């Protein structure tokens, strides 16, 4: 759910109770196997070349994957111009940001795809998200002693932004692309920072997460699932702590100022913030250099906007965020 909301491709899922010979075996998790037949059902518009990043590939799959690796090796500098020719970067970044937000430790999973036409680009379908939200080596398998809170677990921005020039390429090819882009293309690095802020401001928001967890809590309550309340509370705490942790990491490793908190209120709703409709007061995180865009839905609803205490007669506001000034917008009817 969170991955799709963040802009990545992920399969549909369901919870179910499994009965075998009339015996209730408890709560199970249904997800389609991402084989070639299933992929063609889920993405029916065209034929795709296919490589599953787990299991035993066929010779044709290896040939396809070898061509993909050559595109990576062929980039003397991995910048956005080069990468966009060969890889669907919106798909890649959406998936990577979802791994970072979810703390998906086992994140080199999924399917690599490409249309059969020469102009098609490589893209990814995520799979196997079971190492999300929990520090599995510590809390589940007990292989490590606890040295961090669960919301501090990798992958996080620190792992991608700390660059040792002598290190080997990452074993996961899509992570290697993402990491190289962040390291070798300063403009891509900045765009990704702002895109992360937009994702938590408008897509994976506290309201979205709260609604999602409420639905799961109702499901667990309906079947009287043992420990259900405890599990949901752990998830609520994870998300409440995870976003501030990631924002602090960005401030530490990006050559930039910390995020600015912007607040938008109005005497009449709905309003539109950055292209997203809001039915009440809005609070979001912005890094210096970003733009906060505000407008009313009803052209006759707002007479003017008050920006940082100063009246603006324009019906639309575009405020460039700076570290040395406030970020308060109020709509006056």
C-alpha atoms as a PDB file:
ATOM      1  CA  UNK A   1       0.000   0.000   0.000  1.00  0.00           C
ATOM      2  CA  UNK A   2       2.689   2.500   1.018  1.00  0.00           C
ATOM      3  CA  UNK A   3       4.901   1.628  -1.952  1.00  0.00           C
ATOM      4  CA  UNK A   4       2.109   2.233  -4.446  1.00  0.00           C
ATOM      5  CA  UNK A   5       1.221   5.463  -2.659  1.00  0.00           C
ATOM      6  CA  UNK A   6       4.852   6.609  -2.922  1.00  0.00           C
ATOM      7  CA  UNK A   7       4.916   5.972  -6.679  1.00  0.00           C
ATOM      8  CA  UNK A   8       6.442   2.500  -6.908  1.00  0.00           C
ATOM      9  CA  UNK A   9       4.956  -0.573  -8.554  1.00  0.00           C
ATOM     10  CA  UNK A  10       3.874  -3.248  -6.077  1.00  0.00           C
ATOM     11  CA  UNK A  11       1.456  -6.182  -6.384  1.00  0.00           C
ATOM     12  CA  UNK A  12      -2.019  -6.196  -4.823  1.00  0.00           C
ATOM     13  CA  UNK A  13      -2.264  -7.876  -1.431  1.00  0.00           C
ATOM     14  CA  UNK A  14      -4.951  -9.254   0.868  1.00  0.00           C
ATOM     15  CA  UNK A  15      -5.140 -10.655   4.375  1.00  0.00           C
ATOM     16  CA  UNK A  16      -7.006 -13.916   4.842  1.00  0.00           C
ATOM     17  CA  UNK A  17      -7.770 -16.586   7.417  1.00  0.00           C
ATOM     18  CA  UNK A  18      -6.538 -19.982   6.259  1.00  0.00           C
ATOM     19  CA  UNK A  19      -8.535 -23.100   7.074  1.00  0.00           C
ATOM     20  CA  UNK A  20      -7.227 -26.624   6.470  1.00  0.00           C
ATOM     21  CA  UNK A  21      -9.602 -29.525   7.150  1.00  0.00           C
ATOM     22  CA  UNK A  22     -11.829 -27.138   9.119  1.00  0.00           C
ATOM     23  CA  UNK A  23      -8.922 -26.084  11.339  1.00  0.00           C
ATOM     24  CA  UNK A  24      -8.209 -22.350  11.501  1.00  0.00           C
ATOM     25  CA  UNK A  25      -4.479 -21.921  10.919  1.00  0.00           C
ATOM     26  CA  UNK A  26      -4.624 -18.191  11.511  1.00  0.00           C
ATOM     27  CA  UNK A  27      -3.918 -15.043   9.562  1.00  0.00           C
ATOM     28  CA  UNK A  28      -2.063 -15.301   6.245  1.00  0.00           C
ATOM     29  CA  UNK A  29      -0.960 -12.830   3.623  1.00  0.00           C
ATOM     30  CA  UNK A  30      -1.909 -13.263  -0.042  1.00  0.00           C
ATOM     31  CA  UNK A  31       0.247 -11.813  -2.812  1.00  0.00           C
ATOM     32  CA  UNK A  32       0.415 -12.943  -6.451  1.00  0.00           C
ATOM     33  CA  UNK A  33       3.542 -14.703  -7.598  1.00  0.00           C
ATOM     34  CA  UNK A  34       5.261 -12.380 -10.071  1.00  0.00           C
ATOM     35  CA  UNK A  35       5.835 -14.921 -12.819  1.00  0.00           C
ATOM     36  CA  UNK A  36       5.730 -13.982 -16.476  1.00  0.00           C
ATOM     37  CA  UNK A  37       2.067 -15.009 -16.847  1.00  0.00           C
ATOM     38  CA  UNK A  38       1.030 -12.953 -13.813  1.00  0.00           C
ATOM     39  CA  UNK A  39       3.010  -9.913 -14.965  1.00  0.00           C
ATOM     40  CA  UNK A  40       1.318 -10.025 -18.371  1.00  0.00           C
ATOM     41  CA  UNK A  41      -2.050 -10.127 -16.594  1.00  0.00           C
ATOM     42  CA  UNK A  42      -1.180  -7.206 -14.307  1.00  0.00           C
ATOM     43  CA  UNK A  43       0.476  -5.179 -17.113  1.00  0.00           C
ATOM     44  CA  UNK A  44      -1.562  -6.220 -20.171  1.00  0.00           C
ATOM     45  CA  UNK A  45      -0.853  -3.309 -22.508  1.00  0.00           C
ATOM     46  CA  UNK A  46       2.294  -4.698 -24.111  1.00  0.00           C
ATOM     47  CA  UNK A  47       4.747  -7.592 -24.059  1.00  0.00           C
ATOM     48  CA  UNK A  48       7.671  -7.354 -21.672  1.00  0.00           C
ATOM     49  CA  UNK A  49      11.106  -8.826 -21.418  1.00  0.00           C
ATOM     50  CA  UNK A  50      11.379 -10.196 -17.924  1.00  0.00           C
ATOM     51  CA  UNK A  51      14.000 -10.956 -15.268  1.00  0.00           C
ATOM     52  CA  UNK A  52      13.073 -12.044 -11.768  1.00  0.00           C
ATOM     53  CA  UNK A  53      15.749 -11.001  -9.264  1.00  0.00           C
ATOM     54  CA  UNK A  54      15.338 -14.232  -7.347  1.00  0.00           C
ATOM     55  CA  UNK A  55      15.090 -17.846  -8.411  1.00  0.00           C
ATOM     56  CA  UNK A  56      16.658 -19.683 -11.342  1.00  0.00           C
ATOM     57  CA  UNK A  57      16.620 -17.636 -14.553  1.00  0.00           C
ATOM     58  CA  UNK A  58      16.544 -19.147 -18.044  1.00  0.00           C
ATOM     59  CA  UNK A  59      19.303 -18.470 -20.578  1.00  0.00           C
ATOM     60  CA  UNK A  60      17.130 -15.855 -22.297  1.00  0.00           C
ATOM     61  CA  UNK A  61      16.678 -14.108 -18.965  1.00  0.00           C
ATOM     62  CA  UNK A  62      20.433 -13.939 -18.457  1.00  0.00           C
ATOM     63  CA  UNK A  63      20.851 -12.422 -21.917  1.00  0.00           C
ATOM     64  CA  UNK A  64      18.245  -9.760 -21.085  1.00  0.00           C
ATOM     65  CA  UNK A  65      19.860  -9.021 -17.713  1.00  0.00           C
ATOM     66  CA  UNK A  66      23.330  -8.880 -19.271  1.00  0.00           C
ATOM     67  CA  UNK A  67      22.142  -6.170 -21.662  1.00  0.00           C
ATOM     68  CA  UNK A  68      20.758  -4.233 -18.698  1.00  0.00           C
ATOM     69  CA  UNK A  69      24.091  -4.438 -16.858  1.00  0.00           C
ATOM     70  CA  UNK A  70      25.901  -3.168 -19.941  1.00  0.00           C
ATOM     71  CA  UNK A  71      23.784  -0.005 -19.832  1.00  0.00           C
ATOM     72  CA  UNK A  72      25.019   0.618 -16.291  1.00  0.00           C
ATOM     73  CA  UNK A  73      28.652  -0.141 -17.086  1.00  0.00           C
ATOM     74  CA  UNK A  74      28.462   2.059 -20.176  1.00  0.00           C
ATOM     75  CA  UNK A  75      27.880   5.187 -18.110  1.00  0.00           C
ATOM     76  CA  UNK A  76      31.214   6.846 -17.415  1.00  0.00           C
ATOM     77  CA  UNK A  77      29.166   9.393 -15.454  1.00  0.00           C
ATOM     78  CA  UNK A  78      25.719   8.310 -14.297  1.00  0.00           C
ATOM     79  CA  UNK A  79      23.703  11.496 -14.695  1.00  0.00           C
ATOM     80  CA  UNK A  80      19.992  11.996 -15.265  1.00  0.00           C
ATOM     81  CA  UNK A  81      20.340  12.646 -19.004  1.00  0.00           C
ATOM     82  CA  UNK A  82      22.037   9.290 -19.546  1.00  0.00           C
ATOM     83  CA  UNK A  83      19.860   7.354 -17.109  1.00  0.00           C
ATOM     84  CA  UNK A  84      16.578   8.674 -18.539  1.00  0.00           C
ATOM     85  CA  UNK A  85      17.487   7.207 -21.943  1.00  0.00           C
ATOM     86  CA  UNK A  86      17.626   3.670 -20.540  1.00  0.00           C
ATOM     87  CA  UNK A  87      15.746   3.534 -17.214  1.00  0.00           C
ATOM     88  CA  UNK A  88      12.341   4.744 -16.034  1.00  0.00           C
ATOM     89  CA  UNK A  89      13.582   7.058 -13.284  1.00  0.00           C
ATOM     90  CA  UNK A  90      10.113   7.927 -11.955  1.00  0.00           C
ATOM     91  CA  UNK A  91       9.557   4.220 -11.387  1.00  0.00           C
ATOM     92  CA  UNK A  92      13.023   3.733  -9.869  1.00  0.00           C
ATOM     93  CA  UNK A  93      12.862   6.707  -7.499  1.00  0.00           C
ATOM     94  CA  UNK A  94       9.303   5.906  -6.393  1.00  0.00           C
ATOM     95  CA  UNK A  95      10.372   2.385  -5.457  1.00  0.00           C
ATOM     96  CA  UNK A  96      13.586   3.487  -3.732  1.00  0.00           C
ATOM     97  CA  UNK A  97      11.802   6.188  -1.707  1.00  0.00           C
ATOM     98  CA  UNK A  98       9.242   3.619  -0.608  1.00  0.00           C
ATOM     99  CA  UNK A  99      12.036   1.318   0.625  1.00  0.00           C
ATOM    100  CA  UNK A 100      13.538   4.232   2.542  1.00  0.00           C
ATOM    101  CA  UNK A 101      10.207   5.288   4.075  1.00  0.00           C
ATOM    102  CA  UNK A 102       9.253   1.702   4.973  1.00  0.00           C
ATOM    103  CA  UNK A 103      12.705   0.678   6.180  1.00  0.00           C
ATOM    104  CA  UNK A 104      12.545  -2.389   3.881  1.00  0.00           C
ATOM    105  CA  UNK A 105      15.747  -4.171   4.808  1.00  0.00           C
ATOM    106  CA  UNK A 106      15.570  -6.927   2.171  1.00  0.00           C
ATOM    107  CA  UNK A 107      15.103  -4.504  -0.695  1.00  0.00           C
ATOM    108  CA  UNK A 108      16.877  -6.124  -3.639  1.00  0.00           C
ATOM    109  CA  UNK A 109      13.827  -8.113  -4.667  1.00  0.00           C
ATOM    110  CA  UNK A 110      11.333  -7.878  -7.473  1.00  0.00           C
ATOM    111  CA  UNK A 111      11.184  -8.060 -11.238  1.00  0.00           C
ATOM    112  CA  UNK A 112      13.118  -6.154 -13.902  1.00  0.00           C
ATOM    113  CA  UNK A 113      11.027  -5.423 -16.996  1.00  0.00           C
ATOM    114  CA  UNK A 114      11.346  -3.775 -20.379  1.00  0.00           C
ATOM    115  CA  UNK A 115       9.040  -3.466 -23.356  1.00  0.00           C
ATOM    116  CA  UNK A 116      10.147  -5.198 -26.540  1.00  0.00           C
ATOM    117  CA  UNK A 117      10.452  -2.010 -28.597  1.00  0.00           C
ATOM    118  CA  UNK A 118      13.904  -0.434 -28.910  1.00  0.00           C
ATOM    119  CA  UNK A 119      12.796   2.834 -27.277  1.00  0.00           C
ATOM    120  CA  UNK A 120      11.380   1.092 -24.190  1.00  0.00           C
ATOM    121  CA  UNK A 121      13.154   1.664 -20.897  1.00  0.00           C
ATOM    122  CA  UNK A 122      13.909  -0.707 -18.029  1.00  0.00           C
ATOM    123  CA  UNK A 123      11.636  -0.521 -14.984  1.00  0.00           C
ATOM    124  CA  UNK A 124      10.971  -2.488 -11.816  1.00  0.00           C
ATOM    125  CA  UNK A 125       8.047  -4.179 -10.094  1.00  0.00           C
ATOM    126  CA  UNK A 126       8.633  -4.464  -6.356  1.00  0.00           C
ATOM    127  CA  UNK A 127       8.032  -7.669  -4.449  1.00  0.00           C
ATOM    128  CA  UNK A 128       8.745  -9.254  -1.049  1.00  0.00           C
ATOM    129  CA  UNK A 129       8.314  -6.362   1.410  1.00  0.00           C
ATOM    130  CA  UNK A 130       8.275  -8.525   4.545  1.00  0.00           C
ATOM    131  CA  UNK A 131      11.389  -6.883   6.010  1.00  0.00           C
ATOM    132  CA  UNK A 132       9.603  -3.537   6.335  1.00  0.00           C
ATOM    133  CA  UNK A 133       8.839  -1.644   9.571  1.00  0.00           C
ATOM    134  CA  UNK A 134      10.875  -4.003  11.787  1.00  0.00           C
ATOM    135  CA  UNK A 135      14.595  -4.520  12.371  1.00  0.00           C
ATOM    136  CA  UNK A 136      14.462  -8.179  11.336  1.00  0.00           C
ATOM    137  CA  UNK A 137      18.023  -9.272  12.357  1.00  0.00           C
ATOM    138  CA  UNK A 138      17.393  -7.823  15.832  1.00  0.00           C
ATOM    139  CA  UNK A 139      13.709  -8.307  16.531  1.00  0.00           C
ATOM    140  CA  UNK A 140      12.765 -11.383  14.522  1.00  0.00           C
ATOM    141  CA  UNK A 141      15.804 -13.607  13.960  1.00  0.00           C
ATOM    142  CA  UNK A 142      17.713 -12.376  17.050  1.00  0.00           C
ATOM    143  CA  UNK A 143      20.975 -12.566  15.093  1.00  0.00           C
ATOM    144  CA  UNK A 144      22.143  -9.146  16.299  1.00  0.00           C
ATOM    145  CA  UNK A 145      21.993  -7.219  19.520  1.00  0.00           C
ATOM    146  CA  UNK A 146      19.861  -4.140  19.554  1.00  0.00           C
ATOM    147  CA  UNK A 147      21.949  -1.046  18.819  1.00  0.00           C
ATOM    148  CA  UNK A 148      19.274   1.148  17.216  1.00  0.00           C
ATOM    149  CA  UNK A 149      15.573   1.769  17.273  1.00  0.00           C
ATOM    150  CA  UNK A 150      13.479   0.075  14.610  1.00  0.00           C
ATOM    151  CA  UNK A 151      12.796   3.406  12.869  1.00  0.00           C
ATOM    152  CA  UNK A 152      16.569   3.914  12.492  1.00  0.00           C
ATOM    153  CA  UNK A 153      17.100   0.754  10.443  1.00  0.00           C
ATOM    154  CA  UNK A 154      18.441   0.808   6.886  1.00  0.00           C
ATOM    155  CA  UNK A 155      17.853   1.461   4.117  1.00  0.00           C
ATOM    156  CA  UNK A 156      17.906   5.158   4.879  1.00  0.00           C
ATOM    157  CA  UNK A 157      19.387   8.210   3.235  1.00  0.00           C
ATOM    158  CA  UNK A 158      22.698   7.802   5.070  1.00  0.00           C
ATOM    159  CA  UNK A 159      23.442   4.564   3.243  1.00  0.00           C
ATOM    160  CA  UNK A 160      22.997   6.207  -0.148  1.00  0.00           C
ATOM    161  CA  UNK A 161      24.555   9.594   0.567  1.00  0.00           C
ATOM    162  CA  UNK A 162      27.703   8.449   2.368  1.00  0.00           C
ATOM    163  CA  UNK A 163      30.047   7.679  -0.513  1.00  0.00           C
ATOM    164  CA  UNK A 164      33.388   5.945  -0.235  1.00  0.00           C
ATOM    165  CA  UNK A 165      35.118   6.417  -3.582  1.00  0.00           C
ATOM    166  CA  UNK A 166      36.963   3.151  -3.094  1.00  0.00           C
ATOM    167  CA  UNK A 167      33.888   1.055  -2.405  1.00  0.00           C
ATOM    168  CA  UNK A 168      32.673  -1.628  -4.789  1.00  0.00           C
ATOM    169  CA  UNK A 169      29.444  -1.064  -6.734  1.00  0.00           C
ATOM    170  CA  UNK A 170      26.374  -2.091  -4.780  1.00  0.00           C
ATOM    171  CA  UNK A 171      25.429  -5.731  -5.363  1.00  0.00           C
ATOM    172  CA  UNK A 172      21.861  -4.685  -6.261  1.00  0.00           C
ATOM    173  CA  UNK A 173      21.884  -3.202  -9.776  1.00  0.00           C
ATOM    174  CA  UNK A 174      18.973  -0.764  -9.310  1.00  0.00           C
ATOM    175  CA  UNK A 175      20.455   0.441  -6.027  1.00  0.00           C
ATOM    176  CA  UNK A 176      23.770   0.930  -7.837  1.00  0.00           C
ATOM    177  CA  UNK A 177      21.992   3.174 -10.388  1.00  0.00           C
ATOM    178  CA  UNK A 178      20.230   5.182  -7.663  1.00  0.00           C
ATOM    179  CA  UNK A 179      23.374   5.541  -5.556  1.00  0.00           C
ATOM    180  CA  UNK A 180      25.502   6.601  -8.524  1.00  0.00           C
ATOM    181  CA  UNK A 181      22.927   9.191  -9.604  1.00  0.00           C
ATOM    182  CA  UNK A 182      22.904  10.707  -6.116  1.00  0.00           C
ATOM    183  CA  UNK A 183      26.688  10.772  -6.046  1.00  0.00           C
ATOM    184  CA  UNK A 184      27.476  11.806  -9.627  1.00  0.00           C
ATOM    185  CA  UNK A 185      24.608  14.171 -10.526  1.00  0.00           C
ATOM    186  CA  UNK A 186      24.126  17.073  -8.077  1.00  0.00           C
ATOM    187  CA  UNK A 187      20.900  18.177  -9.814  1.00  0.00           C
ATOM    188  CA  UNK A 188      19.382  14.713  -9.472  1.00  0.00           C
ATOM    189  CA  UNK A 189      20.452  14.687  -5.828  1.00  0.00           C
ATOM    190  CA  UNK A 190      18.585  17.953  -5.211  1.00  0.00           C
ATOM    191  CA  UNK A 191      15.497  16.819  -7.138  1.00  0.00           C
ATOM    192  CA  UNK A 192      15.332  13.612  -5.103  1.00  0.00           C
ATOM    193  CA  UNK A 193      15.505  15.558  -1.855  1.00  0.00           C
ATOM    194  CA  UNK A 194      12.574  17.747  -2.900  1.00  0.00           C
ATOM    195  CA  UNK A 195      10.644  14.750  -4.230  1.00  0.00           C
ATOM    196  CA  UNK A 196      10.999  12.993  -0.883  1.00  0.00           C
ATOM    197  CA  UNK A 197       9.586  16.077   0.852  1.00  0.00           C
ATOM    198  CA  UNK A 198       6.677  16.170  -1.614  1.00  0.00           C
ATOM    199  CA  UNK A 199       6.014  12.454  -1.039  1.00  0.00           C
ATOM    200  CA  UNK A 200       5.670  12.837   2.731  1.00  0.00           C
ATOM    201  CA  UNK A 201       3.770  16.115   2.349  1.00  0.00           C
ATOM    202  CA  UNK A 202       1.146  14.921  -0.102  1.00  0.00           C
ATOM    203  CA  UNK A 203       1.209  11.136  -0.558  1.00  0.00           C
ATOM    204  CA  UNK A 204       2.498   9.152   2.419  1.00  0.00           C
ATOM    205  CA  UNK A 205       1.042  11.657   4.875  1.00  0.00           C
ATOM    206  CA  UNK A 206       0.259  11.140   8.576  1.00  0.00           C
ATOM    207  CA  UNK A 207      -3.461  11.118   7.675  1.00  0.00           C
ATOM    208  CA  UNK A 208      -2.916   8.490   4.981  1.00  0.00           C
ATOM    209  CA  UNK A 209      -0.899   6.267   7.340  1.00  0.00           C
ATOM    210  CA  UNK A 210      -3.428   6.710  10.153  1.00  0.00           C
ATOM    211  CA  UNK A 211      -6.313   5.734   7.855  1.00  0.00           C
ATOM    212  CA  UNK A 212      -4.396   2.717   6.543  1.00  0.00           C
ATOM    213  CA  UNK A 213      -3.545   1.485  10.036  1.00  0.00           C
ATOM    214  CA  UNK A 214      -7.112   2.042  11.231  1.00  0.00           C
ATOM    215  CA  UNK A 215      -8.300  -0.296   8.462  1.00  0.00           C
ATOM    216  CA  UNK A 216      -5.811  -2.973   9.473  1.00  0.00           C
ATOM    217  CA  UNK A 217      -6.677  -2.546  13.138  1.00  0.00           C
ATOM    218  CA  UNK A 218     -10.359  -3.075  12.351  1.00  0.00           C
ATOM    219  CA  UNK A 219      -9.461  -6.230  10.413  1.00  0.00           C
ATOM    220  CA  UNK A 220      -7.441  -7.635  13.327  1.00  0.00           C
ATOM    221  CA  UNK A 221     -10.102  -6.697  15.853  1.00  0.00           C
ATOM    222  CA  UNK A 222     -12.816  -8.392  13.782  1.00  0.00           C
ATOM    223  CA  UNK A 223     -11.019 -11.753  14.002  1.00  0.00           C
ATOM    224  CA  UNK A 224      -9.780 -11.210  17.580  1.00  0.00           C
ATOM    225  CA  UNK A 225      -6.190 -11.566  16.418  1.00  0.00           C
ATOM    226  CA  UNK A 226      -3.757 -12.053  19.353  1.00  0.00           C
ATOM    227  CA  UNK A 227      -1.469  -9.056  19.831  1.00  0.00           C
ATOM    228  CA  UNK A 228      -3.165  -7.068  17.071  1.00  0.00           C
ATOM    229  CA  UNK A 229      -3.427  -3.858  19.083  1.00  0.00           C
ATOM    230  CA  UNK A 230       0.240  -4.087  20.045  1.00  0.00           C
ATOM    231  CA  UNK A 231       1.366  -4.610  16.452  1.00  0.00           C
ATOM    232  CA  UNK A 232      -0.637  -1.645  15.173  1.00  0.00           C
ATOM    233  CA  UNK A 233       0.772   0.599  17.910  1.00  0.00           C
ATOM    234  CA  UNK A 234       4.312  -0.426  16.927  1.00  0.00           C
ATOM    235  CA  UNK A 235       3.531   0.605  13.349  1.00  0.00           C
ATOM    236  CA  UNK A 236       2.072   3.926  14.483  1.00  0.00           C
ATOM    237  CA  UNK A 237       5.253   4.620  16.442  1.00  0.00           C
ATOM    238  CA  UNK A 238       7.434   3.544  13.507  1.00  0.00           C
ATOM    239  CA  UNK A 239       5.892   6.083  11.128  1.00  0.00           C
ATOM    240  CA  UNK A 240       5.752   8.844  13.750  1.00  0.00           C
ATOM    241  CA  UNK A 241       9.496   8.473  14.363  1.00  0.00           C
ATOM    242  CA  UNK A 242      10.672   7.432  10.887  1.00  0.00           C
ATOM    243  CA  UNK A 243       9.926  10.657   9.018  1.00  0.00           C
ATOM    244  CA  UNK A 244      11.735  12.990  11.493  1.00  0.00           C
ATOM    245  CA  UNK A 245      14.661  10.537  11.492  1.00  0.00           C
ATOM    246  CA  UNK A 246      14.900  10.663   7.676  1.00  0.00           C
ATOM    247  CA  UNK A 247      14.606  14.462   7.610  1.00  0.00           C
ATOM    248  CA  UNK A 248      17.462  14.700  10.101  1.00  0.00           C
ATOM    249  CA  UNK A 249      19.568  12.375   7.943  1.00  0.00           C
ATOM    250  CA  UNK A 250      19.013  14.542   4.893  1.00  0.00           C
ATOM    251  CA  UNK A 251      20.069  17.615   6.862  1.00  0.00           C
ATOM    252  CA  UNK A 252      23.206  15.792   7.997  1.00  0.00           C
ATOM    253  CA  UNK A 253      24.331  14.382   4.645  1.00  0.00           C
ATOM    254  CA  UNK A 254      22.996  16.765   2.011  1.00  0.00           C
ATOM    255  CA  UNK A 255      24.920  20.044   1.605  1.00  0.00           C
ATOM    256  CA  UNK A 256      21.854  22.064   2.538  1.00  0.00           C
ATOM    257  CA  UNK A 257      19.870  23.629   5.329  1.00  0.00           C
ATOM    258  CA  UNK A 258      17.352  21.728   7.389  1.00  0.00           C
ATOM    259  CA  UNK A 259      13.757  21.421   6.244  1.00  0.00           C
ATOM    260  CA  UNK A 260      11.457  24.386   6.812  1.00  0.00           C
ATOM    261  CA  UNK A 261       7.977  23.742   8.213  1.00  0.00           C
ATOM    262  CA  UNK A 262       5.319  25.535   6.143  1.00  0.00           C
ATOM    263  CA  UNK A 263       1.763  26.097   7.323  1.00  0.00           C
ATOM    264  CA  UNK A 264      -1.215  26.993   5.125  1.00  0.00           C
ATOM    265  CA  UNK A 265      -4.608  27.940   6.579  1.00  0.00           C
ATOM    266  CA  UNK A 266      -7.698  29.502   5.079  1.00  0.00           C
ATOM    267  CA  UNK A 267     -11.067  30.945   6.002  1.00  0.00           C
ATOM    268  CA  UNK A 268     -12.619  28.708   3.353  1.00  0.00           C
ATOM    269  CA  UNK A 269     -11.776  25.208   2.129  1.00  0.00           C
ATOM    270  CA  UNK A 270     -10.923  23.286   0.050  1.00  0.00           C
ATOM    271  CA  UNK A 271      -7.694  24.837  -1.161  1.00  0.00           C
ATOM    272  CA  UNK A 272      -4.994  23.465  -3.452  1.00  0.00           C
ATOM    273  CA  UNK A 273      -1.406  23.127  -2.218  1.00  0.00           C
ATOM    274  CA  UNK A 274       1.255  22.068  -4.740  1.00  0.00           C
ATOM    275  CA  UNK A 275      -1.502  20.678  -6.941  1.00  0.00           C
ATOM    276  CA  UNK A 276      -3.078  18.592  -4.158  1.00  0.00           C
ATOM    277  CA  UNK A 277      -6.507  19.456  -2.765  1.00  0.00           C
ATOM    278  CA  UNK A 278      -6.679  20.025   1.020  1.00  0.00           C
ATOM    279  CA  UNK A 279      -9.882  20.090   3.072  1.00  0.00           C
ATOM    280  CA  UNK A 280      -8.326  21.731   6.118  1.00  0.00           C
ATOM    281  CA  UNK A 281      -5.161  23.337   7.514  1.00  0.00           C
ATOM    282  CA  UNK A 282      -1.970  22.032   5.950  1.00  0.00           C
ATOM    283  CA  UNK A 283       1.536  21.552   7.342  1.00  0.00           C
ATOM    284  CA  UNK A 284       4.425  20.399   5.160  1.00  0.00           C
ATOM    285  CA  UNK A 285       8.222  20.141   5.021  1.00  0.00           C
ATOM    286  CA  UNK A 286      10.199  22.078   2.413  1.00  0.00           C
ATOM    287  CA  UNK A 287      13.900  22.428   1.781  1.00  0.00           C
ATOM    288  CA  UNK A 288      15.355  25.793   0.774  1.00  0.00           C
ATOM    289  CA  UNK A 289      14.955  26.382  -2.936  1.00  0.00           C
ATOM    290  CA  UNK A 290      11.637  24.564  -3.165  1.00  0.00           C
ATOM    291  CA  UNK A 291       8.397  26.345  -4.065  1.00  0.00           C
ATOM    292  CA  UNK A 292       5.179  26.319  -2.064  1.00  0.00           C
ATOM    293  CA  UNK A 293       2.240  26.837  -4.456  1.00  0.00           C
ATOM    294  CA  UNK A 294      -1.206  27.679  -3.041  1.00  0.00           C
ATOM    295  CA  UNK A 295      -4.497  28.466  -4.767  1.00  0.00           C
ATOM    296  CA  UNK A 296      -8.200  28.339  -4.003  1.00  0.00           C
ATOM    297  CA  UNK A 297     -10.496  25.791  -5.621  1.00  0.00           C
ATOM    298  CA  UNK A 298     -13.309  28.316  -6.018  1.00  0.00           C
ATOM    299  CA  UNK A 299     -12.049  31.350  -7.930  1.00  0.00           C
ATOM    300  CA  UNK A 300     -14.437  33.558  -5.958  1.00  0.00           C
ATOM    301  CA  UNK A 301     -13.720  32.005  -2.567  1.00  0.00           C
ATOM    302  CA  UNK A 302     -10.477  33.715  -1.536  1.00  0.00           C
ATOM    303  CA  UNK A 303     -10.154  37.492  -1.726  1.00  0.00           C
ATOM    304  CA  UNK A 304      -6.439  37.511  -1.023  1.00  0.00           C
ATOM    305  CA  UNK A 305      -3.659  35.594   0.711  1.00  0.00           C
ATOM    306  CA  UNK A 306      -1.655  36.756   3.688  1.00  0.00           C
ATOM    307  CA  UNK A 307       1.939  35.571   3.278  1.00  0.00           C
ATOM    308  CA  UNK A 308       4.110  35.777   6.407  1.00  0.00           C
ATOM    309  CA  UNK A 309       1.796  38.463   7.749  1.00  0.00           C
ATOM    310  CA  UNK A 310       1.792  40.547   4.558  1.00  0.00           C
ATOM    311  CA  UNK A 311      -1.308  40.764   2.367  1.00  0.00           C
ATOM    312  CA  UNK A 312      -0.972  39.541  -1.214  1.00  0.00           C
ATOM    313  CA  UNK A 313      -3.712  40.507  -3.689  1.00  0.00           C
ATOM    314  CA  UNK A 314      -2.951  37.633  -6.051  1.00  0.00           C
ATOM    315  CA  UNK A 315      -5.366  34.698  -6.052  1.00  0.00           C
ATOM    316  CA  UNK A 316      -2.433  32.268  -6.402  1.00  0.00           C
ATOM    317  CA  UNK A 317       0.696  32.162  -4.277  1.00  0.00           C
ATOM    318  CA  UNK A 318       4.111  30.822  -5.261  1.00  0.00           C
ATOM    319  CA  UNK A 319       6.506  31.204  -2.357  1.00  0.00           C
ATOM    320  CA  UNK A 320      10.168  30.264  -2.794  1.00  0.00           C
ATOM    321  CA  UNK A 321      11.357  28.664   0.427  1.00  0.00           C
ATOM    322  CA  UNK A 322      14.365  30.245   2.085  1.00  0.00           C
ATOM    323  CA  UNK A 323      16.105  29.375   5.338  1.00  0.00           C
ATOM    324  CA  UNK A 324      16.015  32.939   6.612  1.00  0.00           C
ATOM    325  CA  UNK A 325      12.291  33.630   6.419  1.00  0.00           C
ATOM    326  CA  UNK A 326       9.024  32.196   7.691  1.00  0.00           C
ATOM    327  CA  UNK A 327       6.602  30.098   5.669  1.00  0.00           C
ATOM    328  CA  UNK A 328       3.060  30.986   6.744  1.00  0.00           C
ATOM    329  CA  UNK A 329       0.171  31.443   4.294  1.00  0.00           C
ATOM    330  CA  UNK A 330      -3.431  32.297   5.203  1.00  0.00           C
ATOM    331  CA  UNK A 331      -6.365  32.672   2.817  1.00  0.00           C
ATOM    332  CA  UNK A 332      -8.824  35.505   3.540  1.00  0.00           C
ATOM    333  CA  UNK A 333     -12.370  35.173   2.207  1.00  0.00           C
END
